[in-house]
Amino acid sequence: MTAPGVLLVRFWLGAQWRMLGVIPTLVVLLLLDKWIDGNYLHLKPFGKEQPSATAACVECGAVFDVQSMIQHNDLYVCARCKPLFLQRLAEGAKPARPGSKP
């Protein structure tokens, strides 16, 4: 696009003005760049990101992301308390309820 503009300006105005042919090309490219950026380069997520759910550990009461905890029925247990919790279950003790003291 630049070369034809340069050649036409050189033909019409002479060799000393040949670089004027670049100006329309730059204007068109800058406007085209702005249009492409505005319409096509906005990255959109595929779906809404769900907020991470948290829960309190039934043993220690600390709050963790549920994906890093084990779930037993409606109770969540953190990795640090998991051995104690599983031992209590193996011994037949009922799991503590959230908010109660063991």
C-alpha atoms as a PDB file:
ATOM      1  CA  MET A   1       0.000   0.000   0.000  1.00  0.00           C
ATOM      2  CA  THR A   2       2.910   2.345   0.706  1.00  0.00           C
ATOM      3  CA  ALA A   3       4.735   1.700  -2.558  1.00  0.00           C
ATOM      4  CA  PRO A   4       1.806   2.714  -4.826  1.00  0.00           C
ATOM      5  CA  GLY A   5       1.297   5.865  -2.769  1.00  0.00           C
ATOM      6  CA  VAL A   6       4.967   6.794  -3.057  1.00  0.00           C
ATOM      7  CA  LEU A   7       4.958   6.141  -6.796  1.00  0.00           C
ATOM      8  CA  LEU A   8       1.806   8.196  -7.399  1.00  0.00           C
ATOM      9  CA  VAL A   9       3.066  11.165  -5.384  1.00  0.00           C
ATOM     10  CA  ARG A  10       6.441  10.976  -7.156  1.00  0.00           C
ATOM     11  CA  PHE A  11       4.679  10.906 -10.517  1.00  0.00           C
ATOM     12  CA  TRP A  12       2.317  13.806  -9.678  1.00  0.00           C
ATOM     13  CA  LEU A  13       4.554  16.065  -7.551  1.00  0.00           C
ATOM     14  CA  GLY A  14       8.105  15.034  -8.405  1.00  0.00           C
ATOM     15  CA  ALA A  15      10.887  13.101  -6.702  1.00  0.00           C
ATOM     16  CA  GLN A  16      11.373  15.569  -3.830  1.00  0.00           C
ATOM     17  CA  TRP A  17       7.795  14.899  -2.552  1.00  0.00           C
ATOM     18  CA  ARG A  18       7.785  11.095  -2.869  1.00  0.00           C
ATOM     19  CA  MET A  19       7.695  10.494   0.913  1.00  0.00           C
ATOM     20  CA  LEU A  20       4.265  12.167   1.116  1.00  0.00           C
ATOM     21  CA  GLY A  21       2.843   8.890  -0.218  1.00  0.00           C
ATOM     22  CA  VAL A  22       3.690   7.252   3.090  1.00  0.00           C
ATOM     23  CA  ILE A  23       1.451   9.577   5.137  1.00  0.00           C
ATOM     24  CA  PRO A  24      -1.935   8.240   3.900  1.00  0.00           C
ATOM     25  CA  THR A  25      -0.697   4.706   4.458  1.00  0.00           C
ATOM     26  CA  LEU A  26       0.350   5.500   8.035  1.00  0.00           C
ATOM     27  CA  VAL A  27      -2.989   7.166   8.763  1.00  0.00           C
ATOM     28  CA  VAL A  28      -4.912   4.198   7.388  1.00  0.00           C
ATOM     29  CA  LEU A  29      -2.747   1.705   9.281  1.00  0.00           C
ATOM     30  CA  LEU A  30      -3.063   3.602  12.555  1.00  0.00           C
ATOM     31  CA  LEU A  31      -6.851   3.813  12.233  1.00  0.00           C
ATOM     32  CA  LEU A  32      -7.047   0.151  11.232  1.00  0.00           C
ATOM     33  CA  ASP A  33      -4.890  -0.791  14.209  1.00  0.00           C
ATOM     34  CA  LYS A  34      -7.175   1.103  16.594  1.00  0.00           C
ATOM     35  CA  TRP A  35     -10.244  -0.530  15.046  1.00  0.00           C
ATOM     36  CA  ILE A  36      -8.767  -4.037  15.330  1.00  0.00           C
ATOM     37  CA  ASP A  37      -7.696  -3.444  18.935  1.00  0.00           C
ATOM     38  CA  GLY A  38     -11.140  -2.147  19.822  1.00  0.00           C
ATOM     39  CA  ASN A  39     -13.109  -4.928  18.180  1.00  0.00           C
ATOM     40  CA  TYR A  40     -11.089  -8.104  18.178  1.00  0.00           C
ATOM     41  CA  LEU A  41      -8.326  -8.095  20.755  1.00  0.00           C
ATOM     42  CA  HIS A  42     -10.360  -7.975  23.944  1.00  0.00           C
ATOM     43  CA  LEU A  43      -9.941 -11.347  25.564  1.00  0.00           C
ATOM     44  CA  LYS A  44     -13.146 -12.624  27.054  1.00  0.00           C
ATOM     45  CA  PRO A  45     -13.369 -15.495  29.505  1.00  0.00           C
ATOM     46  CA  PHE A  46     -15.165 -18.644  28.380  1.00  0.00           C
ATOM     47  CA  GLY A  47     -17.346 -18.697  31.455  1.00  0.00           C
ATOM     48  CA  LYS A  48     -17.779 -16.885  34.681  1.00  0.00           C
ATOM     49  CA  GLU A  49     -15.132 -17.732  37.221  1.00  0.00           C
ATOM     50  CA  GLN A  50     -16.708 -19.163  40.303  1.00  0.00           C
ATOM     51  CA  PRO A  51     -15.534 -17.803  43.617  1.00  0.00           C
ATOM     52  CA  SER A  52     -13.631 -20.392  45.567  1.00  0.00           C
ATOM     53  CA  ALA A  53     -15.694 -21.960  48.300  1.00  0.00           C
ATOM     54  CA  THR A  54     -14.204 -22.175  51.755  1.00  0.00           C
ATOM     55  CA  ALA A  55     -15.061 -24.227  54.795  1.00  0.00           C
ATOM     56  CA  ALA A  56     -13.902 -24.559  58.353  1.00  0.00           C
ATOM     57  CA  CYS A  57     -12.058 -27.712  59.328  1.00  0.00           C
ATOM     58  CA  VAL A  58     -14.184 -29.765  61.719  1.00  0.00           C
ATOM     59  CA  GLU A  59     -11.127 -30.594  63.838  1.00  0.00           C
ATOM     60  CA  CYS A  60      -9.083 -27.396  64.140  1.00  0.00           C
ATOM     61  CA  GLY A  61     -11.616 -24.797  62.978  1.00  0.00           C
ATOM     62  CA  ALA A  62      -9.253 -23.154  60.488  1.00  0.00           C
ATOM     63  CA  VAL A  63     -10.763 -21.998  57.203  1.00  0.00           C
ATOM     64  CA  PHE A  64      -9.426 -23.487  53.948  1.00  0.00           C
ATOM     65  CA  ASP A  65     -10.442 -23.790  50.324  1.00  0.00           C
ATOM     66  CA  VAL A  66     -12.706 -26.851  50.005  1.00  0.00           C
ATOM     67  CA  GLN A  67     -10.641 -28.184  47.109  1.00  0.00           C
ATOM     68  CA  SER A  68      -7.716 -28.698  49.479  1.00  0.00           C
ATOM     69  CA  MET A  69      -9.816 -30.509  52.099  1.00  0.00           C
ATOM     70  CA  ILE A  70     -11.444 -33.918  52.347  1.00  0.00           C
ATOM     71  CA  GLN A  71     -15.188 -34.134  52.749  1.00  0.00           C
ATOM     72  CA  HIS A  72     -17.001 -36.627  54.952  1.00  0.00           C
ATOM     73  CA  ASN A  73     -20.758 -36.225  54.555  1.00  0.00           C
ATOM     74  CA  ASP A  74     -21.212 -32.482  55.162  1.00  0.00           C
ATOM     75  CA  LEU A  75     -17.986 -32.088  57.164  1.00  0.00           C
ATOM     76  CA  TYR A  76     -14.658 -30.836  55.842  1.00  0.00           C
ATOM     77  CA  VAL A  77     -11.252 -31.761  57.256  1.00  0.00           C
ATOM     78  CA  CYS A  78      -7.920 -30.105  56.426  1.00  0.00           C
ATOM     79  CA  ALA A  79      -4.840 -32.113  55.449  1.00  0.00           C
ATOM     80  CA  ARG A  80      -3.171 -31.558  58.805  1.00  0.00           C
ATOM     81  CA  CYS A  81      -6.150 -32.952  60.763  1.00  0.00           C
ATOM     82  CA  LYS A  82      -6.972 -35.757  58.328  1.00  0.00           C
ATOM     83  CA  PRO A  83      -5.000 -38.537  60.150  1.00  0.00           C
ATOM     84  CA  LEU A  84      -6.646 -37.696  63.485  1.00  0.00           C
ATOM     85  CA  PHE A  85     -10.087 -37.506  61.886  1.00  0.00           C
ATOM     86  CA  LEU A  86      -9.702 -40.839  60.082  1.00  0.00           C
ATOM     87  CA  GLN A  87      -8.378 -42.488  63.263  1.00  0.00           C
ATOM     88  CA  ARG A  88     -11.445 -41.309  65.178  1.00  0.00           C
ATOM     89  CA  LEU A  89     -13.705 -42.685  62.456  1.00  0.00           C
ATOM     90  CA  ALA A  90     -11.851 -46.007  62.499  1.00  0.00           C
ATOM     91  CA  GLU A  91     -12.301 -46.238  66.261  1.00  0.00           C
ATOM     92  CA  GLY A  92     -16.033 -45.672  65.875  1.00  0.00           C
ATOM     93  CA  ALA A  93     -16.174 -42.197  67.405  1.00  0.00           C
ATOM     94  CA  LYS A  94     -18.661 -39.788  65.930  1.00  0.00           C
ATOM     95  CA  PRO A  95     -17.106 -36.836  64.126  1.00  0.00           C
ATOM     96  CA  ALA A  96     -17.275 -33.528  65.936  1.00  0.00           C
ATOM     97  CA  ARG A  97     -19.729 -30.986  64.591  1.00  0.00           C
ATOM     98  CA  PRO A  98     -18.482 -27.565  63.530  1.00  0.00           C
ATOM     99  CA  GLY A  99     -18.294 -25.175  66.441  1.00  0.00           C
ATOM    100  CA  SER A 100     -18.214 -27.897  69.104  1.00  0.00           C
ATOM    101  CA  LYS A 101     -15.135 -28.564  71.227  1.00  0.00           C
ATOM    102  CA  PRO A 102     -13.637 -32.097  70.888  1.00  0.00           C
END
